[in-house]
Protein backbone atom coordinates (compact mmCIF):
# COMPACT_ATOMS: atom_id res chain seq x y z
CA UNK A 1 4.61 0.69 -6.74
CA UNK A 2 1.45 -1.28 -6.07
CA UNK A 3 1.61 -5.00 -6.59
CA UNK A 4 -1.40 -6.08 -8.59
CA UNK A 5 -1.96 -9.43 -6.90
CA UNK A 6 -2.01 -12.58 -9.02
CA UNK A 7 -5.45 -14.07 -9.38
CA UNK A 8 -6.16 -16.61 -6.66
CA UNK A 9 -9.28 -18.43 -5.69
CA UNK A 10 -11.12 -17.79 -2.46
CA UNK A 11 -13.70 -20.25 -1.27
CA UNK A 12 -15.35 -17.69 0.98
CA UNK A 13 -18.68 -16.34 -0.21
CA UNK A 14 -19.69 -12.78 0.45
CA UNK A 15 -22.82 -12.41 2.57
CA UNK A 16 -24.44 -9.02 2.38
CA UNK A 17 -27.55 -7.77 4.10
CA UNK A 18 -30.31 -6.70 1.76
CA UNK A 19 -31.21 -3.42 3.41
CA UNK A 20 -29.30 -0.63 1.63
CA UNK A 21 -27.23 1.65 3.77
CA UNK A 22 -27.71 5.36 3.76
CA UNK A 23 -24.87 7.02 1.94
CA UNK A 24 -23.66 10.55 1.70
CA UNK A 25 -23.28 11.98 -1.74
CA UNK A 26 -19.72 13.00 -2.38
CA UNK A 27 -18.76 15.49 -5.04
CA UNK A 28 -15.32 14.95 -6.44
CA UNK A 29 -13.10 17.77 -7.59
CA UNK A 30 -10.94 16.92 -10.57
CA UNK A 31 -8.26 18.82 -12.39
CA UNK A 32 -8.66 19.68 -16.03
CA UNK A 33 -4.93 19.58 -16.54
CA UNK A 34 -3.51 16.74 -18.57
CA UNK A 35 -0.92 14.29 -17.33
CA UNK A 36 2.69 15.40 -17.49
CA UNK A 37 5.14 13.64 -19.75
CA UNK A 38 6.67 11.85 -16.77
CA UNK A 39 3.24 10.72 -15.59
CA UNK A 40 2.47 9.25 -18.99
CA UNK A 41 5.36 6.84 -18.59
CA UNK A 42 4.01 5.53 -15.35
CA UNK A 43 3.86 1.74 -15.36
CA UNK A 44 1.86 0.96 -12.25
CA UNK A 45 0.47 -2.43 -11.27
CA UNK A 46 2.93 -4.52 -13.24
CA UNK A 47 1.95 -7.78 -11.64
CA UNK A 48 0.00 -10.24 -13.77
CA UNK A 49 -3.73 -10.23 -14.00
CA UNK A 50 -3.71 -13.97 -14.22
CA UNK A 51 -1.40 -16.63 -12.88
CA UNK A 52 -1.21 -20.35 -12.47
CA UNK A 53 -0.82 -20.25 -8.72
CA UNK A 54 -1.08 -23.62 -7.09
CA UNK A 55 -1.88 -22.01 -3.77
CA UNK A 56 -5.58 -21.63 -3.03
CA UNK A 57 -6.59 -19.42 -0.18
CA UNK A 58 -9.31 -20.87 2.01
CA UNK A 59 -10.89 -18.30 4.25
CA UNK A 60 -11.76 -19.22 7.84
CA UNK A 61 -15.29 -20.32 8.54
CA UNK A 62 -17.44 -17.23 8.64
CA UNK A 63 -18.58 -16.01 12.02
CA UNK A 64 -22.08 -14.84 12.78
CA UNK A 65 -20.94 -11.32 12.02
CA UNK A 66 -22.68 -9.92 8.94
CA UNK A 67 -21.01 -7.40 6.69
CA UNK A 68 -22.56 -4.02 6.29
CA UNK A 69 -24.46 -3.64 3.02
CA UNK A 70 -22.70 -2.36 -0.06
CA UNK A 71 -23.04 1.40 -0.38
CA UNK A 72 -25.24 2.75 -3.10
CA UNK A 73 -23.53 4.46 -5.96
CA UNK A 74 -23.83 8.18 -5.42
CA UNK A 75 -21.59 9.39 -8.20
CA UNK A 76 -21.16 8.44 -11.81
CA UNK A 77 -17.59 7.82 -12.81
CA UNK A 78 -16.55 10.99 -14.54
CA UNK A 79 -13.58 11.59 -16.79
CA UNK A 80 -10.30 10.86 -15.08
CA UNK A 81 -7.42 13.29 -15.16
CA UNK A 82 -4.07 13.08 -13.40
CA UNK A 83 -3.22 16.27 -11.57
CA UNK A 84 0.11 17.91 -12.16
CA UNK A 85 0.44 20.56 -9.44
CA UNK A 86 3.61 22.59 -9.71
CA UNK A 87 5.00 21.44 -6.37
CA UNK A 88 4.40 17.74 -6.88
CA UNK A 89 6.63 15.52 -8.97
CA UNK A 90 4.94 12.57 -10.73
CA UNK A 91 5.49 9.35 -8.87
CA UNK A 92 5.77 5.84 -10.22
CA UNK A 93 4.74 3.64 -9.02
CA UNK A 94 11.77 -0.92 -2.07
CA UNK A 95 25.69 -7.38 10.67
CA UNK A 96 21.66 -7.32 11.10
CA UNK A 97 20.10 -4.53 13.09
CA UNK A 98 18.81 -4.94 16.63
CA UNK A 99 15.86 -7.17 17.33
CA UNK A 100 12.68 -5.13 17.56
CA UNK A 101 11.19 -4.46 20.94
CA UNK A 102 7.52 -5.11 21.51
CA UNK A 103 5.99 -3.05 18.70
CA UNK A 104 3.72 -0.13 19.36
CA UNK A 105 1.18 1.25 16.97
CA UNK A 106 -1.33 -1.59 16.92
CA UNK A 107 -4.74 -0.67 18.24
CA UNK A 108 -4.29 1.16 21.51
CA UNK A 109 -0.66 1.82 20.56
CA UNK A 110 -1.08 5.53 19.98
CA UNK A 111 0.04 7.16 16.75
CA UNK A 112 1.16 4.98 13.84
CA UNK A 113 4.91 4.68 13.26
CA UNK A 114 8.10 4.72 15.28
CA UNK A 115 11.87 4.54 14.86
CA UNK A 116 14.24 4.67 11.91
CA UNK A 117 13.38 1.07 11.10
CA UNK A 118 9.64 1.15 11.39
CA UNK A 119 8.07 -0.59 8.39
CA UNK A 120 8.64 -2.40 5.09
CA UNK A 121 6.33 -3.60 2.34
CA UNK A 122 6.03 -7.31 1.62
CA UNK A 123 4.27 -9.39 -1.05
CA UNK A 124 4.16 -13.23 -0.98
CA UNK A 125 4.49 -13.72 -4.74
CA UNK A 126 7.32 -15.40 -6.59
CA UNK A 127 8.41 -15.96 -10.16
CA UNK A 128 10.87 -14.57 -12.65
CA UNK A 129 8.29 -12.89 -14.87
CA UNK A 130 4.79 -11.47 -14.78
CA UNK A 131 3.58 -14.37 -16.93
CA UNK A 132 4.78 -17.04 -14.48
CA UNK A 133 3.82 -15.98 -10.98
CA UNK A 134 2.77 -18.09 -8.02
CA UNK A 135 2.40 -17.81 -4.27
CA UNK A 136 5.27 -18.41 -1.88
CA UNK A 137 4.95 -21.33 0.50
CA UNK A 138 4.35 -20.85 4.21
CA UNK A 139 7.97 -21.74 4.97
CA UNK A 140 9.27 -19.26 2.38
CA UNK A 141 7.09 -16.50 3.81
CA UNK A 142 8.16 -17.33 7.36
CA UNK A 143 11.82 -17.10 6.37
CA UNK A 144 11.28 -13.76 4.63
CA UNK A 145 9.42 -12.22 7.56
CA UNK A 146 11.99 -13.49 10.05
CA UNK A 147 14.67 -11.80 7.93
CA UNK A 148 12.84 -8.46 8.12
CA UNK A 149 12.29 -8.79 11.86
CA UNK A 150 15.95 -9.68 12.34
CA UNK A 151 16.91 -6.36 10.78
CA UNK A 152 15.09 -4.46 13.48
CA UNK A 153 11.77 -3.62 11.79
CA UNK A 154 8.53 -3.68 13.75
CA UNK A 155 5.84 -3.46 11.06
CA UNK A 156 5.00 -5.04 7.70
CA UNK A 157 2.74 -3.44 5.12
CA UNK A 158 0.74 -5.78 2.85
CA UNK A 159 -1.51 -4.82 -0.05
CA UNK A 160 -4.18 -7.51 -0.31
CA UNK A 161 -5.56 -10.72 1.20
CA UNK A 162 -4.97 -13.15 -1.69
CA UNK A 163 -2.11 -15.67 -1.89
CA UNK A 164 -2.58 -16.58 1.78
CA UNK A 165 -1.59 -13.12 2.99
CA UNK A 166 -3.54 -13.48 6.20
CA UNK A 167 -2.64 -16.96 7.48
CA UNK A 168 0.92 -16.96 6.11
CA UNK A 169 2.18 -13.36 6.17
CA UNK A 170 0.16 -12.09 9.14
CA UNK A 171 0.76 -15.41 10.91
CA UNK A 172 4.53 -15.04 10.44
CA UNK A 173 4.38 -11.43 11.64
CA UNK A 174 2.58 -12.56 14.78
CA UNK A 175 5.20 -15.25 15.37
CA UNK A 176 7.96 -12.62 15.08
CA UNK A 177 6.24 -9.97 17.22
CA UNK A 178 5.52 -7.62 14.30
CA UNK A 179 2.58 -5.36 13.61
CA UNK A 180 0.88 -5.15 10.22
CA UNK A 181 -0.59 -2.48 7.99
CA UNK A 182 -3.37 -4.28 6.12
CA UNK A 183 -4.49 -3.52 2.59
CA UNK A 184 -7.56 -3.96 0.44
CA UNK A 185 -6.39 -3.87 -3.17
CA UNK A 186 -8.59 -2.21 -5.78
CA UNK A 187 -8.05 -3.61 -9.27
CA UNK A 188 -8.88 -2.12 -12.65
CA UNK A 189 -12.53 -3.19 -12.41
CA UNK A 190 -12.90 -0.79 -9.49
CA UNK A 191 -15.09 -1.54 -6.48
CA UNK A 192 -16.19 -5.09 -7.15
CA UNK A 193 -17.02 -8.40 -5.50
CA UNK A 194 -13.25 -8.92 -5.12
CA UNK A 195 -12.83 -5.82 -2.96
CA UNK A 196 -15.80 -6.80 -0.78
CA UNK A 197 -14.37 -10.31 -0.45
CA UNK A 198 -11.06 -8.90 0.80
CA UNK A 199 -12.94 -6.91 3.42
CA UNK A 200 -14.75 -10.06 4.52
CA UNK A 201 -11.46 -11.99 4.62
CA UNK A 202 -10.08 -9.47 7.12
CA UNK A 203 -13.16 -9.56 9.34
CA UNK A 204 -13.27 -13.36 9.32
CA UNK A 205 -9.56 -13.80 10.01
CA UNK A 206 -9.13 -11.42 12.94
CA UNK A 207 -12.41 -12.26 14.68
CA UNK A 208 -12.40 -8.98 16.58
CA UNK A 209 -8.78 -9.15 17.79
CA UNK A 210 -6.95 -6.42 15.89
CA UNK A 211 -4.23 -5.88 18.48
CA UNK A 212 -1.42 -6.27 15.91
CA UNK A 213 -3.01 -4.07 13.21
CA UNK A 214 -1.51 -0.58 12.98
CA UNK A 215 -3.71 0.69 10.15
CA UNK A 216 -5.80 -0.45 7.19
CA UNK A 217 -5.25 1.18 3.79
CA UNK A 218 -8.07 0.78 1.26
CA UNK A 219 -6.63 0.97 -2.23
CA UNK A 220 -3.11 1.67 -3.42
CA UNK A 221 -2.86 4.29 -6.17
CA UNK A 222 -6.36 3.35 -7.34
CA UNK A 223 -7.02 7.00 -8.19
CA UNK A 224 -3.74 7.39 -10.05
CA UNK A 225 -4.55 4.37 -12.17
CA UNK A 226 -8.07 5.58 -12.89
CA UNK A 227 -9.68 2.51 -11.31
CA UNK A 228 -12.10 4.62 -9.23
CA UNK A 229 -13.18 8.22 -8.85
CA UNK A 230 -12.64 10.16 -5.64
CA UNK A 231 -16.30 9.83 -4.72
CA UNK A 232 -16.36 6.09 -5.36
CA UNK A 233 -13.26 5.59 -3.23
CA UNK A 234 -14.66 7.74 -0.43
CA UNK A 235 -17.94 5.80 -0.41
CA UNK A 236 -16.17 2.44 -0.26
CA UNK A 237 -13.83 3.61 2.51
CA UNK A 238 -16.90 4.74 4.45
CA UNK A 239 -18.41 1.29 4.00
CA UNK A 240 -15.16 -0.35 5.16
CA UNK A 241 -15.10 1.88 8.24
CA UNK A 242 -18.66 0.91 9.16
CA UNK A 243 -17.91 -2.79 8.67
CA UNK A 244 -14.52 -2.87 10.40
CA UNK A 245 -15.56 -0.72 13.36
CA UNK A 246 -18.59 -2.95 13.85
CA UNK A 247 -16.30 -5.99 13.89
CA UNK A 248 -14.19 -4.53 16.70
CA UNK A 249 -11.41 -2.72 14.83
CA UNK A 250 -10.58 0.54 16.66
CA UNK A 251 -7.69 1.81 14.54
CA UNK A 252 -7.22 4.23 11.64
CA UNK A 253 -8.49 3.54 8.11
CA UNK A 254 -7.32 5.41 5.03
CA UNK A 255 -5.85 4.99 1.56
CA UNK A 256 -2.45 5.17 -0.15
CA UNK A 257 -2.00 7.48 -3.14
CA UNK A 258 0.40 9.74 -4.95
CA UNK A 259 0.63 13.24 -3.54
CA UNK A 260 -0.87 14.73 -6.70
CA UNK A 261 -3.97 12.58 -6.43
CA UNK A 262 -4.36 13.31 -2.74
CA UNK A 263 -4.28 17.02 -3.56
CA UNK A 264 -6.67 16.65 -6.48
CA UNK A 265 -9.23 14.62 -4.53
CA UNK A 266 -9.11 16.44 -1.22
CA UNK A 267 -12.72 17.54 -1.64
CA UNK A 268 -13.90 13.93 -1.81
CA UNK A 269 -11.51 12.34 0.69
CA UNK A 270 -10.94 14.87 3.45
CA UNK A 271 -13.06 13.99 6.45
CA UNK A 272 -13.40 10.32 5.51
CA UNK A 273 -9.72 9.39 6.03
CA UNK A 274 -8.40 8.70 9.54
CA UNK A 275 -4.88 8.35 8.14
CA UNK A 276 -3.33 9.31 4.81
CA UNK A 277 -0.73 7.17 3.07
CA UNK A 278 1.36 9.20 0.61
CA UNK A 279 3.54 7.18 -1.76
CA UNK A 280 6.60 9.42 -2.10
CA UNK A 281 9.34 8.09 -4.41
CA UNK A 282 12.33 10.46 -4.78
CA UNK A 283 13.71 8.39 -7.67
CA UNK A 284 10.77 9.35 -9.86
CA UNK A 285 10.92 13.10 -9.35
CA UNK A 286 10.68 14.80 -12.75
CA UNK A 287 13.92 14.47 -14.67
CA UNK A 288 15.60 12.76 -11.74
CA UNK A 289 15.79 16.12 -9.99
CA UNK A 290 16.28 14.61 -6.52
CA UNK A 291 19.73 13.33 -5.62
CA UNK A 292 19.77 10.17 -3.48
CA UNK A 293 21.34 12.03 -0.57
CA UNK A 294 18.52 14.62 -0.71
CA UNK A 295 15.72 12.07 -0.52
CA UNK A 296 14.88 12.84 3.10
CA UNK A 297 14.35 16.54 2.35
CA UNK A 298 12.18 15.74 -0.66
CA UNK A 299 10.02 13.41 1.42
CA UNK A 300 9.53 16.10 4.06
CA UNK A 301 8.44 18.66 1.46
CA UNK A 302 5.88 16.29 -0.04
CA UNK A 303 4.59 14.98 3.28
CA UNK A 304 4.21 18.47 4.74
CA UNK A 305 1.92 19.41 1.85
CA UNK A 306 -0.32 16.41 2.49
CA UNK A 307 -0.43 17.02 6.23
CA UNK A 308 -1.39 20.65 5.64
CA UNK A 309 -4.17 19.55 3.27
CA UNK A 310 -5.72 16.83 5.43
CA UNK A 311 -4.89 17.67 9.04
CA UNK A 312 -4.69 14.01 10.09
CA UNK A 313 -1.86 11.54 10.57
CA UNK A 314 0.24 11.03 7.45
CA UNK A 315 2.68 8.25 6.65
CA UNK A 316 5.05 7.73 3.72
CA UNK A 317 3.33 4.51 2.75
CA UNK A 318 5.79 3.47 0.05
CA UNK A 319 9.27 4.72 -0.84
CA UNK A 320 12.61 3.42 -2.04
CA UNK A 321 15.29 3.52 -4.73
CA UNK A 322 16.02 0.81 -7.34
CA UNK A 323 19.35 -0.95 -7.77
CA UNK A 324 18.97 -1.86 -11.46
CA UNK A 325 17.11 -0.74 -14.56
CA UNK A 326 16.99 2.36 -16.75
CA UNK A 327 17.87 5.81 -15.45
CA UNK A 328 15.19 8.41 -14.79
CA UNK A 329 16.98 11.47 -16.11
CA UNK A 330 19.72 12.21 -13.61
CA UNK A 331 18.44 9.57 -11.15
CA UNK A 332 20.53 6.41 -11.55
CA UNK A 333 19.63 2.98 -10.13
CA UNK A 334 22.47 1.38 -8.19
CA UNK A 335 23.08 -0.26 -4.80
CA UNK A 336 25.20 2.74 -3.79
CA UNK A 337 22.47 5.24 -4.64
CA UNK A 338 19.87 3.08 -2.93
CA UNK A 339 21.93 3.14 0.24
CA UNK A 340 22.38 6.91 0.05
CA UNK A 341 18.65 7.45 -0.44
CA UNK A 342 17.69 5.10 2.39
CA UNK A 343 20.24 6.67 4.74
CA UNK A 344 18.83 10.09 3.94
CA UNK A 345 15.22 9.05 4.55
CA UNK A 346 16.13 7.02 7.65
CA UNK A 347 17.60 10.15 9.18
CA UNK A 348 14.98 12.54 7.87
CA UNK A 349 12.09 14.24 9.62
CA UNK A 350 9.59 11.51 8.66
CA UNK A 351 11.88 8.54 9.34
CA UNK A 352 9.47 7.10 11.91
CA UNK A 353 6.57 7.35 9.44
CA UNK A 354 8.33 5.73 6.47
CA UNK A 355 7.46 2.38 4.87
CA UNK A 356 10.39 1.18 2.78
CA UNK A 357 9.63 -0.43 -0.57
CA UNK A 358 10.32 -3.27 -1.00
CA UNK A 359 11.72 -5.87 1.33
CA UNK A 360 13.06 -8.10 -1.46
CA UNK A 361 13.34 -7.85 -5.24
CA UNK A 362 10.13 -8.71 -7.09
CA UNK A 363 11.06 -10.83 -10.09
CA UNK A 364 7.38 -11.48 -10.72
CA UNK A 365 7.05 -7.87 -11.94
CA UNK A 366 9.40 -8.51 -14.86
CA UNK A 367 7.44 -7.94 -18.08
CA UNK A 368 10.40 -8.43 -20.42
CA UNK A 369 10.77 -4.70 -21.05
CA UNK A 370 13.47 -2.58 -19.38
CA UNK A 371 12.14 -1.50 -16.00
CA UNK A 372 13.27 -0.68 -12.48
CA UNK A 373 10.13 -2.22 -10.98
CA UNK A 374 11.57 -5.63 -10.01
CA UNK A 375 14.64 -4.10 -8.32
CA UNK A 376 13.53 -2.13 -5.26
CA UNK A 377 14.47 -4.86 -2.75
CA UNK A 378 16.28 -3.11 0.09
CA UNK A 379 16.37 -5.42 3.14
CA UNK A 380 20.09 -6.03 2.64
CA UNK A 381 20.78 -2.30 3.07
CA UNK A 382 19.85 -2.73 6.74
CA UNK A 383 22.43 -5.47 7.48
């Protein structure tokens, strides 16, 4: 599930050149099929849209590097429909192990991924409900990241740049010898000043040294949520690639989506993505059709379809099993089932390409209604 970051204030201003960039018109293919009944219950982006965070992110002083201009709009946002291909289940949308060796997979590190304990998602938010969320302190973040590193993981995936993600989370990863998968989060307003500001935050923070960055994912289930069209996402990713490559980033850039949306928008996205993040959650297979112990096989089936469609590197960018909350048909949340699912995926074909969701429980996703969303924390399963 994508964390919709709490609102925080950035003091950085976005500087854009005035000369418009040439853009390539992208025609998006959409399905006329309606959403399935399981898809209609999808409760993505449960984090608050507002919060009273006391933490204010202050971006580093801007360098002389100028961002590429915003791309022109080449496609009107058309009607949005969630695909329901027959092979793809709707997805919702988390003693210590050995210390990690020097991680590979940053720029110059070859293909992204590696090992049964490759990556975990992390968000620096805290709170017991979505109406009372704030940012974790630097010391809290440092303790969390050290706990993940101590369990043998080599990479952390983050979703945004707010809440001091870059100085606190990336800083803690650097201190613990971990790589990062960066994210630019697209909210319900679509491509906006906020998304461009996140891009600028990344450029300003790394100052050309991206040696610890394994990949950058632009958007997390933004298509599934209807925040952008395929063409709009493709245009913005193209803009991010121009900007990031110009700033010295040599690694892969892509997006993270449900398998159904990746299939539905292949016409718009194929050729623009260096890497594809597929969010594959066995727990949310229709009717709970996937047993925890069969999670690894389910992941392989879904990932193989995406790889066949796109022909580039594919990672399972978000997957897990909840420990509490309501059942999904025959799929039951419990610590025992979480362990069985994780063991299956850790020993499956795509183990070295799997990002486990989430490192710790996310109380800040609690809306007051019964939900599994706050209970994907799985770091303890790797003790």
